[in-house]
Amino acid sequence: MTVFGTTLDTMGVFSLVSMLTLLVYWMFVLRDEKRWLSWFRSWEADRKARRLAEEASEGAPPPHPSSRKGPWG
């Protein structure tokens, strides 16, 4: 078999197939990672909304937006 003027033997074909398989594998891993990140962000937003709703129902004043900066200030 000749690809781009280079003759591929059995090991060359095996390497090409292995690299393409690895590329497909990493595409699936990336897709799942993005899906998990999206799920986590929506879960975190829902959790924060529930917590703020509970605080509001208890009669606590809503926090000032500048006071909620996260753990790093």
C-alpha atoms as a PDB file:
ATOM      1  CA  MET A   1       0.000   0.000   0.000  1.00  0.00           C
ATOM      2  CA  THR A   2       1.326   3.437  -0.900  1.00  0.00           C
ATOM      3  CA  VAL A   3       0.282   6.622   0.941  1.00  0.00           C
ATOM      4  CA  PHE A   4       1.823   9.994  -0.003  1.00  0.00           C
ATOM      5  CA  GLY A   5       4.564   8.221  -1.913  1.00  0.00           C
ATOM      6  CA  THR A   6       5.563   6.068   1.065  1.00  0.00           C
ATOM      7  CA  THR A   7       5.097   2.333   1.036  1.00  0.00           C
ATOM      8  CA  LEU A   8       3.333   1.101   4.152  1.00  0.00           C
ATOM      9  CA  ASP A   9       4.093  -2.369   5.381  1.00  0.00           C
ATOM     10  CA  THR A  10       2.136  -4.273   8.024  1.00  0.00           C
ATOM     11  CA  MET A  11       3.607  -2.316  10.923  1.00  0.00           C
ATOM     12  CA  GLY A  12       2.889   0.997   9.191  1.00  0.00           C
ATOM     13  CA  VAL A  13      -0.748   0.086   8.630  1.00  0.00           C
ATOM     14  CA  PHE A  14      -1.019  -1.119  12.240  1.00  0.00           C
ATOM     15  CA  SER A  15       0.476   2.146  13.501  1.00  0.00           C
ATOM     16  CA  LEU A  16      -1.891   4.213  11.381  1.00  0.00           C
ATOM     17  CA  VAL A  17      -4.933   2.266  12.570  1.00  0.00           C
ATOM     18  CA  SER A  18      -3.749   2.491  16.192  1.00  0.00           C
ATOM     19  CA  MET A  19      -3.281   6.259  15.993  1.00  0.00           C
ATOM     20  CA  LEU A  20      -6.709   6.752  14.420  1.00  0.00           C
ATOM     21  CA  THR A  21      -8.277   4.569  17.113  1.00  0.00           C
ATOM     22  CA  LEU A  22      -6.541   6.605  19.801  1.00  0.00           C
ATOM     23  CA  LEU A  23      -7.797   9.839  18.218  1.00  0.00           C
ATOM     24  CA  VAL A  24     -11.383   8.560  18.278  1.00  0.00           C
ATOM     25  CA  TYR A  25     -10.937   7.461  21.904  1.00  0.00           C
ATOM     26  CA  TRP A  26      -9.734  10.923  22.976  1.00  0.00           C
ATOM     27  CA  MET A  27     -12.617  12.558  21.124  1.00  0.00           C
ATOM     28  CA  PHE A  28     -15.039  10.515  23.244  1.00  0.00           C
ATOM     29  CA  VAL A  29     -13.113  11.362  26.414  1.00  0.00           C
ATOM     30  CA  LEU A  30     -13.257  15.077  25.587  1.00  0.00           C
ATOM     31  CA  ARG A  31     -16.982  14.877  24.864  1.00  0.00           C
ATOM     32  CA  ASP A  32     -17.655  13.159  28.185  1.00  0.00           C
ATOM     33  CA  GLU A  33     -15.489  15.665  30.053  1.00  0.00           C
ATOM     34  CA  LYS A  34     -17.417  18.577  28.545  1.00  0.00           C
ATOM     35  CA  ARG A  35     -20.709  16.883  29.399  1.00  0.00           C
ATOM     36  CA  TRP A  36     -19.607  16.352  33.012  1.00  0.00           C
ATOM     37  CA  LEU A  37     -18.442  19.965  33.322  1.00  0.00           C
ATOM     38  CA  SER A  38     -21.774  21.213  32.004  1.00  0.00           C
ATOM     39  CA  TRP A  39     -23.658  18.988  34.463  1.00  0.00           C
ATOM     40  CA  PHE A  40     -21.510  20.172  37.368  1.00  0.00           C
ATOM     41  CA  ARG A  41     -22.000  23.847  36.546  1.00  0.00           C
ATOM     42  CA  SER A  42     -25.784  23.456  36.363  1.00  0.00           C
ATOM     43  CA  TRP A  43     -25.798  21.450  39.610  1.00  0.00           C
ATOM     44  CA  GLU A  44     -23.723  24.125  41.351  1.00  0.00           C
ATOM     45  CA  ALA A  45     -26.026  26.901  40.085  1.00  0.00           C
ATOM     46  CA  ASP A  46     -29.101  24.984  41.273  1.00  0.00           C
ATOM     47  CA  ARG A  47     -27.498  24.386  44.666  1.00  0.00           C
ATOM     48  CA  LYS A  48     -26.667  28.070  45.031  1.00  0.00           C
ATOM     49  CA  ALA A  49     -30.207  29.082  44.025  1.00  0.00           C
ATOM     50  CA  ARG A  50     -31.696  26.675  46.579  1.00  0.00           C
ATOM     51  CA  ARG A  51     -29.400  27.971  49.302  1.00  0.00           C
ATOM     52  CA  LEU A  52     -30.246  31.617  48.546  1.00  0.00           C
ATOM     53  CA  ALA A  53     -33.966  30.755  48.492  1.00  0.00           C
ATOM     54  CA  GLU A  54     -33.662  29.069  51.893  1.00  0.00           C
ATOM     55  CA  GLU A  55     -31.823  32.080  53.308  1.00  0.00           C
ATOM     56  CA  ALA A  56     -34.480  34.413  51.911  1.00  0.00           C
ATOM     57  CA  SER A  57     -37.298  32.321  53.399  1.00  0.00           C
ATOM     58  CA  GLU A  58     -35.622  32.472  56.818  1.00  0.00           C
ATOM     59  CA  GLY A  59     -35.746  36.247  56.686  1.00  0.00           C
ATOM     60  CA  ALA A  60     -32.023  36.873  56.277  1.00  0.00           C
ATOM     61  CA  PRO A  61     -31.217  39.911  54.148  1.00  0.00           C
ATOM     62  CA  PRO A  62     -29.839  39.067  50.698  1.00  0.00           C
ATOM     63  CA  PRO A  63     -26.058  39.296  50.561  1.00  0.00           C
ATOM     64  CA  HIS A  64     -24.428  42.206  48.826  1.00  0.00           C
ATOM     65  CA  PRO A  65     -23.062  41.076  45.407  1.00  0.00           C
ATOM     66  CA  SER A  66     -19.563  42.316  46.181  1.00  0.00           C
ATOM     67  CA  SER A  67     -19.405  40.257  49.402  1.00  0.00           C
ATOM     68  CA  ARG A  68     -19.771  36.945  47.521  1.00  0.00           C
ATOM     69  CA  LYS A  69     -16.460  36.586  45.762  1.00  0.00           C
ATOM     70  CA  GLY A  70     -15.691  32.951  46.461  1.00  0.00           C
ATOM     71  CA  PRO A  71     -12.949  31.293  48.449  1.00  0.00           C
ATOM     72  CA  TRP A  72     -10.122  33.357  46.908  1.00  0.00           C
ATOM     73  CA  GLY A  73     -11.469  36.749  47.856  1.00  0.00           C
END
